[in-house]
Protein backbone atom coordinates (compact mmCIF):
# COMPACT_ATOMS: atom_id res chain seq x y z
CA MET A 1 -20.91 -2.00 22.65
CA LYS A 2 -20.66 -5.42 21.05
CA GLN A 3 -18.59 -7.85 23.07
CA LEU A 4 -17.24 -9.48 19.93
CA LYS A 5 -15.37 -6.28 19.10
CA LEU A 6 -13.89 -5.97 22.58
CA THR A 7 -10.40 -7.30 21.96
CA GLY A 8 -9.85 -5.18 18.89
CA PHE A 9 -11.31 -2.19 20.69
CA VAL A 10 -8.98 -2.47 23.68
CA ILE A 11 -5.83 -3.46 21.83
CA PHE A 12 -6.23 -1.18 18.84
CA PHE A 13 -6.60 1.84 21.11
CA PHE A 14 -4.29 4.41 19.59
CA PHE A 15 -6.54 5.47 16.74
CA LEU A 16 -9.15 7.09 18.98
CA THR A 17 -10.98 10.10 17.74
CA GLU A 18 -10.12 13.63 18.70
CA SER A 19 -13.24 15.30 20.05
CA LEU A 20 -14.93 18.28 21.71
CA THR A 21 -14.50 21.39 19.56
CA LEU A 22 -12.17 20.02 16.93
CA PRO A 23 -13.25 21.47 13.54
CA THR A 24 -15.14 18.90 11.48
CA GLN A 25 -13.29 19.43 8.21
CA PRO A 26 -12.61 16.68 5.66
CA GLN A 27 -9.39 14.71 5.88
CA ASP A 28 -7.64 16.33 2.88
CA VAL A 29 -7.09 19.69 4.62
CA ASP A 30 -3.97 20.67 6.54
CA ASP A 31 -4.02 18.33 9.56
CA VAL A 32 -1.28 20.21 11.38
CA ARG A 33 -3.30 23.42 11.22
CA ILE A 34 -6.49 21.63 12.34
CA THR A 35 -4.68 20.01 15.26
CA GLN A 36 -3.22 23.34 16.36
CA LYS A 37 -6.66 24.95 16.21
CA PHE A 38 -8.01 22.10 18.33
CA ILE A 39 -5.28 22.74 20.93
CA ASP A 40 -5.96 26.48 20.93
CA ASP A 41 -9.72 26.00 21.22
CA ASN A 42 -9.39 23.48 24.05
CA ILE A 43 -6.58 25.03 26.09
CA GLY A 44 -8.87 25.09 29.14
CA TYR A 45 -9.59 21.35 29.06
CA ILE A 46 -5.95 20.57 28.23
CA THR A 47 -4.73 22.60 31.21
CA ILE A 48 -7.22 20.96 33.56
CA ILE A 49 -6.17 17.47 32.44
CA ALA A 50 -2.45 18.15 32.80
CA PHE A 51 -2.70 19.91 36.18
CA ALA A 52 -5.20 17.44 37.68
CA GLN A 53 -3.09 14.45 36.55
CA TYR A 54 0.22 15.92 37.78
CA ILE A 55 -1.10 17.34 41.09
CA GLN A 56 -4.09 15.16 41.97
CA GLU A 57 -4.65 16.72 45.39
CA ALA A 58 -5.06 20.26 43.96
CA SER A 59 -8.48 21.86 44.42
CA PHE A 60 -10.76 22.82 41.53
CA GLU A 61 -10.29 26.50 42.46
CA GLU A 62 -6.50 26.13 42.10
CA VAL A 63 -6.98 24.42 38.74
CA GLU A 64 -9.21 27.30 37.59
CA MET A 65 -6.42 29.77 38.45
CA LEU A 66 -4.03 27.91 36.16
CA VAL A 67 -6.66 27.74 33.39
CA LYS A 68 -6.94 31.53 33.56
CA ALA A 69 -3.14 31.94 33.28
CA MET A 70 -2.88 29.51 30.33
CA THR A 71 -5.84 31.12 28.53
CA GLU A 72 -4.12 34.49 28.83
CA TYR A 73 -0.92 32.94 27.45
CA ARG A 74 -2.85 31.48 24.50
CA ASP A 75 -4.54 34.79 23.70
CA LYS A 76 -1.23 36.63 23.85
CA CYS A 77 0.41 34.16 21.45
CA LEU A 78 -2.55 34.08 19.06
CA ALA A 79 -2.22 37.86 18.81
CA ASP A 80 1.56 37.71 18.22
CA ARG A 81 3.33 34.36 17.79
CA THR A 82 6.71 36.12 17.42
CA LEU A 83 6.86 36.88 21.16
CA PRO A 84 9.82 35.06 22.81
CA GLU A 85 7.61 33.15 25.29
CA CYS A 86 5.49 31.82 22.43
CA SER A 87 8.40 29.76 21.07
CA LYS A 88 8.35 27.52 24.16
CA LEU A 89 6.68 24.12 24.21
CA THR A 90 3.19 24.34 25.71
CA ASN A 91 3.93 21.69 28.35
CA GLU A 92 7.05 23.63 29.41
CA VAL A 93 4.95 26.79 29.87
CA LEU A 94 2.32 24.82 31.78
CA LEU A 95 4.86 23.34 34.22
CA GLU A 96 6.45 26.77 34.69
CA ASN A 97 3.04 28.18 35.60
CA ILE A 98 2.34 25.33 38.02
CA CYS A 99 5.69 25.95 39.75
CA ALA A 100 5.03 29.71 39.85
CA MET A 101 1.72 29.37 41.73
CA GLU A 102 2.39 30.86 45.16
CA GLY A 103 2.77 28.28 47.92
CA LEU A 104 1.53 25.40 45.76
CA PRO A 105 4.83 23.45 45.37
CA GLN A 106 5.26 23.45 49.16
CA LYS A 107 1.60 22.66 49.87
CA TYR A 108 1.56 19.57 47.64
CA ASN A 109 5.20 18.56 48.05
CA PHE A 110 6.52 18.97 44.49
CA SER A 111 9.14 21.71 45.06
CA HIS A 112 11.87 19.22 44.15
CA CYS A 113 10.35 18.88 40.66
CA CYS A 114 10.34 22.64 40.16
CA ARG A 115 14.10 22.75 40.83
CA LYS A 116 14.68 20.49 37.83
CA VAL A 117 14.53 21.49 34.13
CA ASP A 118 13.45 20.03 30.78
CA PHE A 119 13.19 16.21 30.63
CA GLU A 120 14.19 15.75 34.29
CA ARG A 121 11.38 18.07 35.38
CA ARG A 122 8.80 16.28 33.22
CA LEU A 123 9.92 12.90 34.55
CA CYS A 124 9.76 14.16 38.13
CA PHE A 125 6.17 15.34 37.67
CA PHE A 126 5.35 12.00 36.06
CA HIS A 127 6.69 10.08 39.06
CA ASN A 128 4.64 12.37 41.32
CA LYS A 129 1.46 10.77 39.94
CA LYS A 130 -0.26 8.28 42.24
CA ALA A 131 -2.09 5.23 40.93
CA ASP A 132 -3.84 4.66 44.29
CA ILE A 133 -6.57 7.29 44.41
CA GLY A 134 -7.63 6.41 47.96
CA LEU A 135 -6.08 9.73 49.01
CA LEU A 136 -8.85 11.62 47.15
CA PRO A 137 -12.29 12.36 48.58
CA PRO A 138 -15.21 10.29 47.21
CA LEU A 139 -16.39 11.33 43.75
CA PRO A 140 -19.13 13.95 44.22
CA THR A 141 -22.56 12.72 43.16
CA LEU A 142 -25.43 14.98 42.22
CA ASP A 143 -29.12 14.20 42.04
CA PRO A 144 -30.03 13.97 38.29
CA GLU A 145 -32.32 17.01 38.52
CA GLU A 146 -29.59 18.99 40.28
CA LYS A 147 -27.03 17.82 37.71
CA CYS A 148 -29.22 19.04 34.84
CA GLN A 149 -29.87 22.40 36.51
CA THR A 150 -26.15 22.92 37.14
CA TYR A 151 -25.37 22.12 33.49
CA LYS A 152 -28.08 24.48 32.31
CA ASN A 153 -26.94 27.33 34.59
CA ASN A 154 -23.20 27.11 33.88
CA ARG A 155 -22.19 24.61 31.17
CA GLU A 156 -18.50 25.59 31.16
CA SER A 157 -17.95 25.25 34.92
CA PHE A 158 -19.96 22.01 35.01
CA LEU A 159 -17.87 20.36 32.27
CA ASN A 160 -14.60 21.74 33.62
CA ASN A 161 -15.37 20.20 37.00
CA TYR A 162 -16.18 16.86 35.38
CA VAL A 163 -12.90 16.83 33.41
CA TYR A 164 -11.03 17.76 36.62
CA GLU A 165 -12.59 14.95 38.70
CA VAL A 166 -12.09 12.28 36.00
CA SER A 167 -8.52 13.38 35.19
CA ARG A 168 -7.21 13.30 38.76
CA ARG A 169 -8.70 9.84 39.27
CA ASN A 170 -7.11 8.60 36.04
CA PRO A 171 -3.62 10.14 36.16
CA PHE A 172 -2.09 7.92 33.46
CA VAL A 173 -4.87 8.09 30.84
CA PHE A 174 -3.89 9.89 27.62
CA ALA A 175 -5.43 13.33 27.10
CA PRO A 176 -7.30 12.51 23.84
CA THR A 177 -9.10 9.68 25.63
CA LEU A 178 -10.20 11.99 28.44
CA LEU A 179 -11.37 14.57 25.91
CA THR A 180 -13.44 11.90 24.16
CA VAL A 181 -14.97 10.85 27.50
CA ALA A 182 -15.79 14.50 28.26
CA ALA A 183 -17.51 14.90 24.89
CA ARG A 184 -19.55 11.76 25.46
CA PHE A 185 -20.43 12.93 28.96
CA GLU A 186 -21.84 16.17 27.58
CA GLU A 187 -23.82 14.29 24.90
CA MET A 188 -25.24 12.05 27.62
CA THR A 189 -26.11 15.03 29.84
CA LYS A 190 -27.93 16.81 26.99
CA THR A 191 -29.94 13.68 26.15
CA CYS A 192 -30.78 12.58 29.69
CA CYS A 193 -31.80 16.06 30.86
CA GLU A 194 -34.60 15.93 28.28
CA GLU A 195 -35.90 12.59 29.59
CA GLN A 196 -38.57 11.99 32.23
CA GLU A 197 -36.60 9.10 33.80
CA LYS A 198 -33.35 11.03 34.14
CA ALA A 199 -31.70 8.73 36.70
CA ASN A 200 -32.31 5.61 34.61
CA CYS A 201 -31.04 7.39 31.49
CA PHE A 202 -27.80 8.50 33.17
CA GLN A 203 -27.17 5.02 34.56
CA THR A 204 -27.78 3.25 31.24
CA LYS A 205 -25.81 5.66 29.06
CA ALA A 206 -22.88 6.03 31.48
CA GLU A 207 -21.92 2.34 31.44
CA PRO A 208 -20.44 2.17 27.90
CA PHE A 209 -18.12 5.13 28.24
CA ILE A 210 -17.10 4.24 31.80
CA TYR A 211 -16.07 0.88 30.37
CA TYR A 212 -14.39 2.68 27.46
CA LEU A 213 -12.35 4.73 29.93
CA LYS A 214 -11.35 1.70 32.02
CA ALA A 215 -10.36 -0.36 28.97
CA LEU A 216 -8.26 2.40 27.44
CA SER A 217 -6.72 3.24 30.82
CA SER A 218 -5.51 -0.37 31.26
CA TYR A 219 -3.99 -0.55 27.80
CA GLN A 220 -2.32 2.85 27.95
CA LYS A 221 -0.76 2.15 31.34
CA ASN A 222 0.45 -1.22 30.08
CA ALA A 223 2.03 0.32 26.96
CA CYS A 224 3.71 3.07 28.96
CA ARG A 225 4.99 0.58 31.51
CA ALA A 226 6.48 -1.44 28.65
CA LEU A 227 8.20 1.69 27.36
CA MET A 228 9.49 2.94 30.71
CA LYS A 229 10.47 -0.34 32.33
CA PHE A 230 11.59 -2.39 29.31
CA GLY A 231 12.52 0.26 26.74
CA ARG A 232 11.44 1.27 23.26
CA GLN A 233 12.17 -2.15 21.72
CA ILE A 234 9.40 -3.92 23.67
CA LEU A 235 6.89 -1.19 22.84
CA GLN A 236 7.96 -1.44 19.19
CA SER A 237 7.32 -5.20 19.28
CA ILE A 238 3.84 -4.70 20.76
CA ASN A 239 2.97 -2.27 17.99
CA ILE A 240 4.37 -4.55 15.27
CA ALA A 241 2.18 -7.41 16.49
CA ILE A 242 -0.97 -5.26 16.71
CA LEU A 243 -0.56 -3.49 13.38
CA SER A 244 0.48 -6.63 11.46
CA GLN A 245 -2.65 -8.46 12.63
CA LYS A 246 -4.94 -5.53 11.89
CA PHE A 247 -3.37 -4.73 8.51
CA PRO A 248 -1.93 -8.01 7.13
CA LYS A 249 -1.38 -6.59 3.66
CA ILE A 250 0.84 -3.71 4.82
CA GLY A 251 4.42 -4.08 3.56
CA PHE A 252 7.25 -4.32 6.05
CA LYS A 253 8.86 -1.07 4.88
CA GLN A 254 5.51 0.73 5.12
CA LEU A 255 4.98 -0.72 8.59
CA THR A 256 8.42 0.49 9.67
CA SER A 257 7.56 4.00 8.51
CA LEU A 258 4.24 3.98 10.37
CA LEU A 259 5.93 2.66 13.52
CA GLU A 260 8.13 5.77 13.66
CA ASP A 261 5.01 7.93 14.11
CA VAL A 262 3.32 5.48 16.49
CA SER A 263 6.39 5.09 18.71
CA SER A 264 7.24 8.81 18.87
CA LYS A 265 3.65 9.51 19.99
CA TYR A 266 4.25 7.59 23.21
CA ASP A 267 7.04 9.88 24.37
CA GLY A 268 4.58 12.74 24.92
CA CYS A 269 1.60 10.63 25.99
CA CYS A 270 3.49 8.55 28.56
CA GLU A 271 5.28 11.54 30.07
CA GLY A 272 1.97 13.37 30.43
CA ASP A 273 2.77 16.02 27.81
CA VAL A 274 -0.87 16.60 26.87
CA VAL A 275 -0.25 18.78 23.80
CA GLN A 276 2.45 16.55 22.33
CA CYS A 277 0.21 13.52 22.90
CA ILE A 278 -2.64 15.12 20.93
CA ARG A 279 -0.31 16.09 18.09
CA GLY A 280 1.25 12.62 17.99
CA ARG A 281 -2.08 10.84 17.78
CA SER A 282 -3.32 13.14 15.02
CA LYS A 283 -0.13 12.45 13.06
CA VAL A 284 -0.63 8.67 13.32
CA MET A 285 -4.18 8.84 11.97
CA SER A 286 -3.14 11.16 9.15
CA HIS A 287 -0.35 8.75 8.19
CA ILE A 288 -2.74 5.79 8.03
CA CYS A 289 -5.34 7.60 5.96
CA SER A 290 -2.76 9.09 3.57
CA LYS A 291 -1.44 5.58 2.79
CA GLN A 292 -4.66 3.60 3.07
CA ASP A 293 -4.31 1.87 -0.33
CA SER A 294 -1.17 0.08 0.85
CA ILE A 295 -2.39 -0.41 4.43
CA SER A 296 -5.99 -1.63 4.42
CA SER A 297 -9.03 -2.02 2.18
CA LYS A 298 -11.35 -1.71 5.20
CA ILE A 299 -10.74 1.92 6.17
CA LYS A 300 -11.58 3.86 2.98
CA ASP A 301 -14.99 4.94 4.28
CA CYS A 302 -13.46 5.76 7.67
CA CYS A 303 -10.84 8.07 6.20
CA GLU A 304 -13.49 9.95 4.21
CA LYS A 305 -15.32 10.82 7.39
CA LYS A 306 -14.78 14.05 9.22
CA ILE A 307 -12.05 13.98 11.83
CA PRO A 308 -14.11 13.46 14.99
CA GLU A 309 -15.63 10.28 13.55
CA ARG A 310 -12.73 8.70 11.69
CA GLY A 311 -10.86 7.35 14.71
CA GLU A 312 -13.85 5.46 16.10
CA CYS A 313 -14.55 4.14 12.60
CA ILE A 314 -11.00 2.75 12.23
CA ILE A 315 -11.18 1.09 15.67
CA TYR A 316 -14.35 -0.77 14.78
CA SER A 317 -13.28 -1.66 11.24
CA ASN A 318 -12.67 -5.37 10.76
CA LYS A 319 -9.21 -6.82 10.44
CA ASP A 320 -8.21 -6.62 6.80
CA ASP A 321 -8.53 -9.72 4.65
CA ARG A 322 -5.56 -12.02 4.46
CA PRO A 323 -3.68 -11.41 1.16
CA ASN A 324 -4.24 -14.25 -1.31
CA ASP A 325 -0.51 -14.70 -1.87
CA LEU A 326 0.29 -14.94 1.84
CA SER A 327 1.53 -18.47 2.58
CA LEU A 328 0.62 -20.22 5.82
CA ARG A 329 4.25 -20.09 6.95
CA GLU A 330 7.23 -17.90 6.11
CA ALA A 331 9.93 -20.34 5.03
CA LYS A 332 12.84 -17.91 4.96
CA PHE A 333 13.01 -17.78 8.77
CA ILE A 334 13.10 -21.57 9.22
CA GLU A 335 14.18 -23.29 6.00
CA SER A 336 16.80 -20.91 4.62
CA ASP A 337 20.44 -21.91 5.04
CA ASN A 338 21.63 -18.35 5.73
CA VAL A 339 19.28 -17.37 8.61
CA CYS A 340 22.20 -16.77 10.98
CA GLU A 341 23.99 -14.51 8.50
CA LYS A 342 20.84 -12.40 7.98
CA ARG A 343 20.28 -12.16 11.71
CA ASP A 344 23.88 -11.08 12.35
CA ALA A 345 23.70 -8.38 9.67
CA ASP A 346 20.93 -6.46 11.52
CA GLN A 347 19.43 -8.33 14.44
CA ALA A 348 16.82 -5.70 15.43
CA ASN A 349 15.44 -5.41 11.88
CA PHE A 350 15.58 -9.19 11.35
CA MET A 351 13.57 -9.90 14.53
CA ALA A 352 11.09 -7.12 13.72
CA GLU A 353 10.45 -8.66 10.30
CA PHE A 354 10.01 -12.13 11.82
CA LEU A 355 7.41 -10.78 14.27
CA TYR A 356 5.65 -8.94 11.42
CA GLU A 357 5.48 -12.07 9.23
CA TYR A 358 4.36 -14.35 12.06
CA SER A 359 1.74 -11.90 13.38
CA ARG A 360 0.02 -11.29 10.06
CA ARG A 361 -0.23 -15.06 9.53
CA HIS A 362 -1.73 -15.68 12.98
CA PRO A 363 -4.71 -13.39 13.68
CA GLU A 364 -5.97 -15.96 16.19
CA LEU A 365 -3.09 -15.35 18.62
CA SER A 366 -2.90 -12.72 21.36
CA THR A 367 -0.33 -9.93 21.40
CA PRO A 368 1.50 -11.43 24.45
CA GLU A 369 1.63 -14.83 22.71
CA LEU A 370 3.18 -13.30 19.59
CA LEU A 371 5.83 -11.67 21.79
CA ARG A 372 6.48 -15.04 23.45
CA ILE A 373 6.95 -16.70 20.05
CA ALA A 374 9.40 -13.96 19.03
CA LYS A 375 11.38 -14.47 22.26
CA VAL A 376 11.45 -18.26 21.74
CA TYR A 377 12.70 -17.76 18.17
CA LYS A 378 15.37 -15.28 19.28
CA ASP A 379 16.63 -17.66 21.98
CA LEU A 380 16.55 -20.60 19.54
CA LEU A 381 18.73 -18.75 17.03
CA LYS A 382 21.14 -17.78 19.78
CA GLU A 383 21.51 -21.47 20.50
CA CYS A 384 21.48 -22.75 16.90
CA CYS A 385 23.82 -20.19 15.38
CA ASN A 386 26.61 -21.39 17.69
CA MET A 387 26.27 -24.98 16.48
CA GLU A 388 28.12 -26.78 13.73
CA ASN A 389 24.95 -27.19 11.65
CA PRO A 390 22.57 -24.29 12.42
CA PRO A 391 19.90 -25.09 9.75
CA GLU A 392 19.36 -28.56 11.16
CA CYS A 393 18.75 -26.93 14.56
CA TYR A 394 16.37 -24.08 13.66
CA ARG A 395 14.31 -26.14 11.20
CA HIS A 396 12.49 -27.47 14.27
CA ALA A 397 11.38 -23.95 15.26
CA GLU A 398 7.70 -24.58 14.45
CA SER A 399 7.49 -27.33 17.08
CA ARG A 400 8.95 -24.90 19.67
CA PHE A 401 6.36 -22.28 18.70
CA ASN A 402 3.52 -24.81 18.96
CA GLU A 403 4.77 -26.00 22.33
CA THR A 404 4.82 -22.41 23.64
CA THR A 405 1.29 -21.75 22.41
CA GLU A 406 0.03 -25.03 23.90
CA LYS A 407 1.30 -23.99 27.34
CA SER A 408 -0.43 -20.61 27.07
CA LEU A 409 -3.61 -22.26 25.80
CA LYS A 410 -3.74 -24.59 28.82
CA ILE A 411 -3.56 -21.61 31.19
CA VAL A 412 -6.49 -19.95 29.39
CA GLN A 413 -8.51 -23.18 29.31
CA ARG A 414 -7.98 -23.64 33.06
CA GLU A 415 -9.19 -20.08 33.74
CA CYS A 416 -12.26 -20.55 31.55
CA GLU A 417 -13.02 -23.79 33.40
CA HIS A 418 -13.02 -21.77 36.64
CA PHE A 419 -15.50 -19.41 34.98
CA GLN A 420 -17.77 -22.27 33.86
CA ASN A 421 -17.64 -24.11 37.19
CA LEU A 422 -17.76 -21.30 39.74
CA GLY A 423 -20.14 -18.68 38.37
CA LYS A 424 -19.54 -14.94 38.44
CA ASP A 425 -19.62 -14.20 42.20
CA ASP A 426 -17.66 -17.26 43.33
CA LEU A 427 -15.14 -16.65 40.54
CA LYS A 428 -14.57 -13.16 41.92
CA TYR A 429 -14.03 -14.51 45.45
CA HIS A 430 -11.58 -17.07 44.02
CA TYR A 431 -9.48 -14.28 42.48
CA LEU A 432 -9.81 -11.94 45.47
CA ILE A 433 -8.34 -14.66 47.70
CA ASN A 434 -5.56 -15.62 45.29
CA LEU A 435 -4.57 -12.05 44.45
CA THR A 436 -4.55 -10.93 48.07
CA LYS A 437 -2.33 -13.87 49.04
CA LEU A 438 0.05 -12.96 46.20
CA VAL A 439 0.17 -9.19 46.79
CA PRO A 440 -1.22 -8.39 50.26
CA GLN A 441 0.79 -5.13 50.21
CA LEU A 442 -1.64 -3.56 47.72
CA SER A 443 -4.56 -1.52 49.04
CA THR A 444 -7.96 -3.12 49.53
CA GLU A 445 -9.36 -0.87 46.76
CA GLU A 446 -6.73 -2.02 44.27
CA LEU A 447 -7.22 -5.69 45.09
CA THR A 448 -11.02 -5.56 44.76
CA PHE A 449 -10.56 -3.70 41.44
CA LEU A 450 -8.13 -6.35 40.14
CA GLY A 451 -10.47 -9.15 41.18
CA LYS A 452 -13.38 -7.57 39.31
CA GLU A 453 -11.19 -6.99 36.24
CA MET A 454 -10.20 -10.67 36.15
CA VAL A 455 -13.86 -11.67 36.29
CA MET A 456 -14.77 -9.18 33.56
CA ALA A 457 -12.02 -10.56 31.30
CA LEU A 458 -13.25 -14.14 31.68
CA THR A 459 -16.99 -13.40 31.47
CA THR A 460 -16.34 -11.35 28.33
CA CYS A 461 -14.05 -13.82 26.59
CA CYS A 462 -14.76 -17.39 27.69
CA THR A 463 -17.82 -17.77 25.46
CA LEU A 464 -16.24 -16.31 22.31
CA SER A 465 -14.80 -18.19 19.34
CA GLU A 466 -11.59 -16.15 19.79
CA GLU A 467 -11.44 -17.19 23.44
CA PHE A 468 -7.66 -17.66 23.64
CA ALA A 469 -6.60 -14.28 22.21
CA CYS A 470 -9.33 -12.42 24.09
CA VAL A 471 -8.54 -13.93 27.52
CA ASP A 472 -4.77 -13.71 27.08
CA ASN A 473 -4.92 -10.06 25.96
CA LEU A 474 -7.26 -8.90 28.73
CA VAL A 475 -5.65 -10.88 31.57
CA ASP A 476 -2.30 -9.45 30.48
CA LEU A 477 -3.79 -5.98 30.97
CA VAL A 478 -4.90 -6.95 34.50
CA LEU A 479 -1.34 -8.06 35.26
CA GLY A 480 -0.18 -4.72 33.90
CA GLU A 481 -2.50 -2.99 36.36
CA LEU A 482 -1.09 -5.12 39.17
CA CYS A 483 2.50 -4.33 38.24
CA GLY A 484 1.69 -0.62 37.97
CA ILE A 485 3.43 2.03 35.92
CA ASN A 486 5.09 4.28 38.46
CA GLU A 487 8.13 3.90 40.69
CA ASN A 488 6.21 4.55 43.90
CA ARG A 489 4.82 1.01 43.99
CA ASN A 490 4.83 -1.30 47.01
CA ILE A 491 5.11 -4.90 45.79
CA ASN A 492 6.88 -7.89 47.30
CA PRO A 493 10.11 -9.28 45.77
CA ALA A 494 8.53 -12.31 44.04
CA VAL A 495 5.86 -10.24 42.29
CA ASP A 496 8.38 -7.53 41.49
CA HIS A 497 10.52 -10.17 39.78
CA CYS A 498 7.63 -11.25 37.54
CA CYS A 499 6.79 -7.64 36.71
CA LYS A 500 10.33 -6.66 35.76
CA THR A 501 12.10 -9.70 34.37
CA ASN A 502 10.37 -10.57 31.09
CA PHE A 503 7.43 -8.67 29.64
CA ALA A 504 6.29 -11.46 27.29
CA PHE A 505 6.45 -14.27 29.86
CA ARG A 506 5.16 -12.49 32.97
CA ARG A 507 1.89 -14.43 32.73
CA SER A 508 3.61 -17.80 33.17
CA CYS A 509 5.81 -16.26 35.88
CA PHE A 510 2.71 -15.27 37.88
CA GLU A 511 1.26 -18.76 37.36
CA SER A 512 4.17 -20.24 39.30
CA LEU A 513 3.90 -17.85 42.28
CA GLU A 514 2.62 -18.89 45.69
CA ALA A 515 1.41 -16.82 48.65
CA ASP A 516 3.88 -14.15 49.78
CA LYS A 517 5.95 -15.59 52.63
CA THR A 518 7.53 -12.23 53.51
CA TYR A 519 4.22 -10.56 54.41
CA VAL A 520 3.62 -9.69 58.06
CA PRO A 521 -0.13 -9.33 58.78
CA PRO A 522 -1.47 -6.59 61.06
CA SER A 523 -1.37 -7.44 64.77
CA THR A 524 -5.02 -6.49 65.36
CA SER A 525 -8.22 -6.96 63.38
CA GLN A 526 -8.53 -3.15 62.97
CA GLY A 527 -12.32 -3.21 63.25
CA LEU A 528 -12.80 -5.95 60.65
CA PHE A 529 -15.33 -7.77 62.85
CA THR A 530 -17.19 -4.67 64.04
CA PHE A 531 -20.52 -4.45 62.20
CA HIS A 532 -23.35 -1.94 62.55
CA ALA A 533 -26.96 -1.55 61.45
CA ASP A 534 -25.93 0.70 58.54
CA LEU A 535 -25.17 -2.56 56.66
CA CYS A 536 -28.93 -3.05 56.47
CA GLN A 537 -29.34 0.21 54.56
CA ALA A 538 -26.77 -0.73 51.93
CA HIS A 539 -28.16 -1.45 48.47
CA ASN A 540 -27.21 -4.74 46.82
CA GLU A 541 -24.25 -3.24 44.94
CA GLU A 542 -22.92 -1.46 48.04
CA LEU A 543 -23.39 -4.58 50.18
CA GLN A 544 -21.48 -6.59 47.57
CA ARG A 545 -18.60 -4.09 47.77
CA LYS A 546 -18.55 -4.45 51.56
CA LYS A 547 -18.43 -8.25 51.21
CA ASP A 548 -15.52 -7.96 48.77
CA ARG A 549 -13.65 -5.64 51.11
CA PHE A 550 -14.35 -7.92 54.09
CA LEU A 551 -12.90 -10.90 52.22
CA VAL A 552 -9.76 -9.04 51.10
CA ASN A 553 -9.13 -7.63 54.59
CA LEU A 554 -9.75 -11.07 56.10
CA VAL A 555 -7.05 -12.57 53.84
CA LYS A 556 -4.70 -9.73 54.80
CA LEU A 557 -5.36 -10.44 58.48
CA LYS A 558 -5.22 -14.26 58.22
CA PRO A 559 -3.11 -15.09 55.12
CA GLU A 560 -2.33 -18.56 56.47
CA LEU A 561 -5.98 -19.68 56.18
CA ALA A 562 -6.83 -22.06 53.35
CA GLY A 563 -9.35 -21.07 50.70
CA GLU A 564 -12.09 -23.30 52.18
CA GLU A 565 -11.75 -21.63 55.60
CA LEU A 566 -11.91 -18.16 54.06
CA TRP A 567 -15.00 -19.08 52.03
CA SER A 568 -16.62 -20.42 55.20
CA LEU A 569 -15.96 -17.16 57.10
CA LEU A 570 -17.32 -15.13 54.19
CA ALA A 571 -20.50 -17.25 54.27
CA ASP A 572 -20.73 -16.63 58.02
CA PHE A 573 -20.43 -12.88 57.45
CA THR A 574 -23.26 -13.04 54.89
CA ASN A 575 -25.42 -15.05 57.32
CA VAL A 576 -24.79 -12.56 60.14
CA VAL A 577 -25.88 -9.66 57.94
CA GLU A 578 -29.03 -11.49 56.81
CA LYS A 579 -29.90 -12.54 60.37
CA CYS A 580 -29.34 -9.18 62.02
CA CYS A 581 -31.07 -7.15 59.32
CA LYS A 582 -34.20 -9.24 59.90
CA ALA A 583 -33.97 -8.81 63.71
CA GLN A 584 -36.10 -6.29 65.60
CA GLU A 585 -32.93 -4.63 66.97
CA PRO A 586 -30.27 -4.95 64.23
CA GLU A 587 -27.61 -3.00 66.18
CA ALA A 588 -28.00 -5.23 69.24
CA CYS A 589 -27.87 -8.31 67.03
CA PHE A 590 -24.63 -7.16 65.37
CA LYS A 591 -23.15 -6.42 68.78
CA GLU A 592 -23.87 -9.99 69.84
CA GLU A 593 -22.89 -11.79 66.61
CA SER A 594 -19.73 -9.85 65.65
CA PRO A 595 -17.54 -11.25 68.50
CA LYS A 596 -18.64 -14.80 67.58
CA LEU A 597 -17.39 -14.35 64.03
CA ALA A 598 -14.14 -12.84 65.31
CA ALA A 599 -13.67 -15.81 67.65
CA LYS A 600 -14.30 -18.28 64.83
CA SER A 601 -11.63 -16.58 62.70
CA GLN A 602 -9.17 -16.85 65.58
CA ALA A 603 -9.93 -20.53 65.98
CA ALA A 604 -9.58 -21.27 62.27
């Protein structure tokens, strides 16, 4: 995966390919029929995804029982679609079957959802999802030879189990993304099982699609959070900015039409309605390819490809060329005398058109920055249109926009300076300390994940020519991860304020935050300074994870310590491990050195 394409890949996520057993027919056939056939053919995978995402604690055997029930339902309806039960929405049938499984609602504590109906039931199941997967057992790992033998002996059960494990660990990822990951996993398994060096093959080939899953997961959660916490208007603005940059020659009316399909898709995807999500995404791609002449000159070859390939092709297509007649600035929003009258006639449409015009003229800006500019312009007009001479007031809008972008640029430059000065490992420790001081209520797993994501964003972007847009886009996704998507989130009041008050300006809100003063650390060290010889058996990667966890838990225990003191204690921990692992009796060494480190932390 080329790093240069990263930003477009992450942000332009919603045109991902359908996959697995979707018929590979050309684009000019009946897309609705093809999509329905895909759903029918993949009812097993679709059921596994929905059930495992809704009820993450459910066992694979329980999931298989539901797959059997849904497969029987599909076969019955394929034989006779006039049956009364076949007129129901698939997700409705699926939830009914989940609720009907004997003892399951009580076992996994979702009986209250089963007492609700329609939208309220779907929303209840959605809020039952848990972002923190620490409650799940560790992901099962098989020896490569064993993995290949299992695949060879029972392909269907092997793949079903993989989809189940990935889905319940990624409860907010859209179904088409998980289906794509499953297809890539099978391709990888087929290839690597033919190789001599199977372990090396699996490790090398797994990295790109694990990254693919993480990147798409972050964006999808962020988009759904925008929809659920801030409403459809914010999500609409995000999509206007993305599409206008990608397709600068698209007309505003054409964009508005496309946005109807894009926005309606999110209703199903964000609620976890797997079938509706698949249908919605297929509809978006069909819309784009049916109007490609007025949308983009870069996607002709993509739209001529068969359906499984066209989505990937569109993602990796370059941004369309800037139209020759597109001026550097749109005068009608700044120089016209009747701006206030046009705004008052239809404010939502007026602001949407402003964002469209500004976005297609500024491909160098990030999506969050474009939303900030739109908010600045909206607030400026609110101020100017109440003055005696509005045009004289809003004619200075460009300087306000530039000032806003300069502030955002300084934040990015400061972060990239950290990257240049600290190096990868120290940069991670810097963010682990800062993040833990800000949100010590989050689990250790979440905090170490967020720290690594910040480092990945900066190491990916800080050497690129499009540094600003890349960093701002990816760091915004990390903040989205921090804020979370669901209601069952434990964050302190200051962070909660930044997450909920203003979507566009949450980055600058977080910049102004200090360590959480309301946090009460645990009264005991809870075994933090108890080390054993098993540390000496840990491979480099595992030892690094233990160091990260030690640092996060140390900050949680001693949040009042300054960064220098925390760094010093982390260095002491590293020295203890090195010293004791070289000793003749590592366990005895750890027993002697651990209390010394604990005492030093107390004295700090």
